[in-house]
Amino acid sequence: DTVSIDELKFGDNDRLAALVASMLDAGRLIILSDVDGLYTDDPRKDAQAVLIPTVTEITPELEAIAKGAGSIAGTGGMYSKLIAAKMATQRGIVVNIVNGRRSDLLSSILNGRVAGTEFVPTVKRYAARKGWIATGIRSTGTLSLDAGAVNALTSAGKSLLPSGIVSLEGTFERGDAVYCVSPDGKRMAKGLVNYSNNELQAIIGLKTHQIQAVLGYKYSDEVIHRDNMIIL
């Protein structure tokens, strides 16, 4: 069964499917349901309920609809499937929720036709490794960055250096995942650190050439290399 982490509810195969699709760098995820897709209401209770063919943004209003609409099968029903679709589309993956009892729908999708409810990706596809960093590994700490570091990461595609870190929280080792937050407290990146929390605490705010003198060794100039970081 699934492994219990913050991003993945135990026993939730819908979200497990989204995670696997992300790790495989899949272009499309097809989730089979016992209804034709996401409706405006539960079609079993409301004869006026209408199938939503395409979703370009998963809003709180849509999540509220999903909590009361659609599938009775599986953990969380249609809401679980919607959250799985949200995870996948945030990784650049097209998602279809279709009726698993209809054998014609898979061929329709493969032939380029919209079937069930199709969710449009909100971003370009991540590489498999970055998808894994984003959703497949739990964060064990937080790094608070200054405005200059945030700009370097988001606008210039740079790696994170110790000089851009203001403070840290949590206990982590080299290779663990941590969140990076902007001066206003917003999570803006997640990545794998090259230094433990104790090591990093000693070099916060320093220039890269000072790392060796303080620690007596240096793994890397970067606290988080851009190849091991995903911008959220």
Protein backbone atom coordinates (compact mmCIF):
# COMPACT_ATOMS: atom_id res chain seq x y z
CA ASP A 1 0.00 0.00 0.00
CA THR A 2 1.04 3.63 -0.02
CA VAL A 3 3.53 5.17 2.39
CA SER A 4 2.19 7.74 4.82
CA ILE A 5 3.79 11.15 4.24
CA ASP A 6 2.45 14.70 4.39
CA GLU A 7 1.78 14.86 0.66
CA LEU A 8 0.20 11.41 0.39
CA LYS A 9 -2.66 10.10 2.47
CA PHE A 10 -2.30 6.46 3.56
CA GLY A 11 -4.38 4.12 1.40
CA ASP A 12 -5.21 6.75 -1.23
CA ASN A 13 -4.59 5.11 -4.59
CA ASP A 14 -5.64 8.21 -6.53
CA ARG A 15 -2.87 10.29 -5.05
CA LEU A 16 -0.47 7.38 -5.29
CA ALA A 17 -1.21 7.30 -9.03
CA ALA A 18 -0.45 11.02 -9.28
CA LEU A 19 2.82 10.52 -7.43
CA VAL A 20 3.88 7.63 -9.67
CA ALA A 21 2.95 9.60 -12.79
CA SER A 22 5.10 12.46 -11.55
CA MET A 23 8.06 10.20 -10.78
CA LEU A 24 7.80 8.62 -14.24
CA ASP A 25 7.55 12.05 -15.89
CA ALA A 26 4.32 10.86 -17.54
CA GLY A 27 2.52 13.09 -20.00
CA ARG A 28 -0.97 11.94 -19.01
CA LEU A 29 -2.70 10.30 -16.06
CA ILE A 30 -6.04 8.52 -16.55
CA ILE A 31 -8.05 7.92 -13.37
CA LEU A 32 -10.86 5.38 -13.65
CA SER A 33 -14.05 6.06 -11.72
CA ASP A 34 -17.57 4.63 -11.45
CA VAL A 35 -19.03 7.79 -13.02
CA ASP A 36 -18.26 9.62 -16.27
CA GLY A 37 -16.17 12.36 -14.64
CA LEU A 38 -16.62 15.42 -12.46
CA TYR A 39 -20.17 16.79 -12.37
CA THR A 40 -21.62 20.05 -11.12
CA ASP A 41 -23.41 17.92 -8.49
CA ASP A 42 -23.96 14.27 -7.66
CA PRO A 43 -25.73 12.90 -10.78
CA ARG A 44 -27.32 10.17 -8.66
CA LYS A 45 -29.16 12.78 -6.62
CA ASP A 46 -29.56 15.69 -9.02
CA ALA A 47 -31.00 15.06 -12.48
CA GLN A 48 -29.81 18.53 -13.52
CA ALA A 49 -26.17 17.74 -12.77
CA VAL A 50 -23.93 18.36 -15.78
CA LEU A 51 -20.61 16.74 -16.66
CA ILE A 52 -17.71 19.21 -16.62
CA PRO A 53 -15.70 18.33 -19.76
CA THR A 54 -12.59 20.48 -19.21
CA VAL A 55 -10.99 22.03 -16.14
CA THR A 56 -8.24 24.62 -16.55
CA GLU A 57 -7.95 25.54 -12.87
CA ILE A 58 -8.85 23.60 -9.74
CA THR A 59 -10.43 26.24 -7.51
CA PRO A 60 -11.77 26.00 -3.94
CA GLU A 61 -15.26 26.16 -5.44
CA LEU A 62 -14.50 23.13 -7.60
CA GLU A 63 -13.12 21.26 -4.59
CA ALA A 64 -16.34 22.02 -2.73
CA ILE A 65 -18.34 20.57 -5.62
CA ALA A 66 -16.18 17.43 -5.62
CA LYS A 67 -16.78 16.82 -1.93
CA GLY A 68 -20.46 16.34 -2.64
CA ALA A 69 -20.42 14.99 -6.16
CA GLY A 70 -19.62 11.88 -8.11
CA SER A 71 -17.94 8.66 -7.14
CA ILE A 72 -18.66 6.54 -4.08
CA ALA A 73 -15.78 4.17 -4.76
CA GLY A 74 -12.42 4.33 -3.04
CA THR A 75 -10.99 6.53 -0.30
CA GLY A 76 -12.37 10.03 -0.56
CA GLY A 77 -14.42 9.41 -3.69
CA MET A 78 -14.43 12.19 -6.29
CA TYR A 79 -12.71 14.65 -3.95
CA SER A 80 -9.72 12.33 -3.70
CA LYS A 81 -9.58 12.12 -7.48
CA LEU A 82 -9.73 15.89 -7.80
CA ILE A 83 -6.83 16.35 -5.38
CA ALA A 84 -4.86 13.75 -7.32
CA ALA A 85 -5.60 15.69 -10.51
CA LYS A 86 -4.41 18.87 -8.79
CA MET A 87 -1.13 17.20 -7.81
CA ALA A 88 -0.55 15.91 -11.33
CA THR A 89 -1.49 19.08 -13.22
CA GLN A 90 0.87 21.04 -10.97
CA ARG A 91 3.59 18.75 -12.34
CA GLY A 92 2.61 19.44 -15.94
CA ILE A 93 0.59 16.23 -16.45
CA VAL A 94 -2.73 16.07 -18.31
CA VAL A 95 -5.36 14.22 -16.25
CA ASN A 96 -8.57 12.50 -17.32
CA ILE A 97 -11.19 11.20 -14.90
CA VAL A 98 -13.31 8.71 -16.85
CA ASN A 99 -15.80 5.92 -16.31
CA GLY A 100 -13.84 2.69 -15.96
CA ARG A 101 -16.84 0.65 -17.08
CA ARG A 102 -16.72 2.18 -20.59
CA SER A 103 -14.13 0.43 -22.74
CA ASP A 104 -14.29 3.02 -25.54
CA LEU A 105 -12.96 5.96 -23.52
CA LEU A 106 -9.30 4.95 -23.40
CA SER A 107 -9.12 4.66 -27.18
CA SER A 108 -10.86 8.04 -27.49
CA ILE A 109 -8.19 9.66 -25.32
CA LEU A 110 -5.38 7.96 -27.24
CA ASN A 111 -6.90 9.32 -30.46
CA GLY A 112 -6.80 12.87 -29.13
CA ARG A 113 -10.43 13.29 -28.14
CA VAL A 114 -11.52 14.71 -24.78
CA ALA A 115 -13.17 12.05 -22.63
CA GLY A 116 -14.70 12.27 -19.18
CA THR A 117 -13.32 15.32 -17.41
CA GLU A 118 -9.94 16.49 -18.69
CA PHE A 119 -7.71 18.61 -16.46
CA VAL A 120 -5.26 20.93 -18.20
CA PRO A 121 -1.74 21.23 -16.71
CA THR A 122 -1.02 24.48 -14.90
CA VAL A 123 2.73 24.34 -15.63
CA LYS A 124 5.15 22.72 -18.02
CA ARG A 125 6.19 19.18 -17.17
CA TYR A 126 8.93 18.83 -14.59
CA ALA A 127 11.75 16.37 -15.05
CA ALA A 128 11.10 13.16 -13.11
CA ARG A 129 13.64 14.02 -10.42
CA LYS A 130 12.10 17.42 -9.76
CA GLY A 131 8.64 15.90 -9.66
CA TRP A 132 9.92 13.52 -7.00
CA ILE A 133 11.38 16.40 -5.00
CA ALA A 134 8.09 18.28 -5.24
CA THR A 135 5.75 15.50 -4.12
CA GLY A 136 7.66 12.32 -3.33
CA ILE A 137 9.82 13.31 -0.36
CA ARG A 138 8.80 14.93 2.91
CA SER A 139 10.37 18.21 3.98
CA THR A 140 12.23 18.15 7.29
CA GLY A 141 13.13 21.82 7.58
CA THR A 142 12.66 25.38 6.40
CA LEU A 143 15.14 27.98 5.17
CA SER A 144 14.13 31.64 5.34
CA LEU A 145 15.66 33.63 2.47
CA ASP A 146 16.29 37.30 1.86
CA ALA A 147 14.72 39.11 -1.09
CA GLY A 148 17.91 38.92 -3.14
CA ALA A 149 18.09 35.15 -2.87
CA VAL A 150 14.41 34.78 -3.78
CA ASN A 151 14.97 36.87 -6.90
CA ALA A 152 18.10 34.89 -7.84
CA LEU A 153 16.22 31.60 -7.56
CA THR A 154 12.98 32.61 -9.27
CA SER A 155 14.14 35.09 -11.90
CA ALA A 156 17.69 34.04 -12.69
CA GLY A 157 17.49 30.28 -12.11
CA LYS A 158 20.42 30.35 -9.69
CA SER A 159 21.38 27.91 -6.96
CA LEU A 160 20.92 28.81 -3.30
CA LEU A 161 24.07 30.07 -1.57
CA PRO A 162 24.55 30.49 2.20
CA SER A 163 24.74 34.27 1.83
CA GLY A 164 21.05 34.41 0.92
CA ILE A 165 19.81 32.53 3.99
CA VAL A 166 18.53 34.52 6.97
CA SER A 167 17.51 31.71 9.34
CA LEU A 168 16.54 28.05 9.44
CA GLU A 169 14.16 25.73 11.27
CA GLY A 170 14.09 21.97 11.67
CA THR A 171 16.53 19.09 11.98
CA PHE A 172 17.88 17.70 8.73
CA GLU A 173 20.89 15.94 7.26
CA ARG A 174 22.73 16.37 4.00
CA GLY A 175 20.47 15.19 1.16
CA ASP A 176 17.21 15.86 3.00
CA ALA A 177 14.45 18.02 1.53
CA VAL A 178 13.64 21.45 2.93
CA TYR A 179 11.31 24.28 1.99
CA CYS A 180 12.59 27.76 1.15
CA VAL A 181 10.40 30.66 2.21
CA SER A 182 10.41 34.30 1.10
CA PRO A 183 10.61 37.26 3.51
CA ASP A 184 6.79 37.30 3.71
CA GLY A 185 6.76 33.66 4.87
CA LYS A 186 5.50 32.14 1.61
CA ARG A 187 6.90 28.80 0.50
CA MET A 188 8.56 29.47 -2.84
CA ALA A 189 10.90 26.51 -3.40
CA LYS A 190 11.77 23.03 -2.19
CA GLY A 191 15.09 21.29 -2.59
CA LEU A 192 17.74 18.89 -1.34
CA VAL A 193 20.33 20.43 0.95
CA ASN A 194 24.08 19.85 0.75
CA TYR A 195 24.58 20.58 4.46
CA SER A 196 22.92 19.46 7.70
CA ASN A 197 21.08 21.94 9.90
CA ASN A 198 24.04 22.13 12.30
CA GLU A 199 26.51 22.76 9.48
CA LEU A 200 24.24 25.26 7.82
CA GLN A 201 23.64 27.14 11.05
CA ALA A 202 27.38 27.85 11.18
CA ILE A 203 27.60 29.25 7.63
CA ILE A 204 24.34 31.20 7.29
CA GLY A 205 24.99 34.54 5.61
CA LEU A 206 28.58 33.72 4.66
CA LYS A 207 30.24 33.94 1.26
CA THR A 208 31.11 30.64 -0.39
CA HIS A 209 34.85 31.15 0.04
CA GLN A 210 34.33 31.32 3.83
CA ILE A 211 32.73 27.87 4.16
CA GLN A 212 36.03 25.96 4.28
CA ALA A 213 37.47 28.22 6.97
CA VAL A 214 34.42 27.88 9.23
CA LEU A 215 33.63 24.17 8.83
CA GLY A 216 37.10 22.86 8.02
CA TYR A 217 35.70 21.30 4.85
CA LYS A 218 33.33 22.16 2.02
CA TYR A 219 30.90 19.83 0.26
CA SER A 220 29.74 22.45 -2.21
CA ASP A 221 29.47 26.18 -2.80
CA GLU A 222 25.70 25.75 -3.00
CA VAL A 223 23.39 24.97 -0.10
CA ILE A 224 20.87 23.74 -2.68
CA HIS A 225 21.93 23.27 -6.30
CA ARG A 226 19.38 24.42 -8.86
CA ASP A 227 19.26 20.89 -10.32
CA ASN A 228 18.00 19.66 -6.94
CA MET A 229 15.42 22.41 -6.49
CA ILE A 230 11.87 22.98 -7.63
CA ILE A 231 10.26 26.43 -7.65
CA LEU A 232 6.74 26.21 -6.22
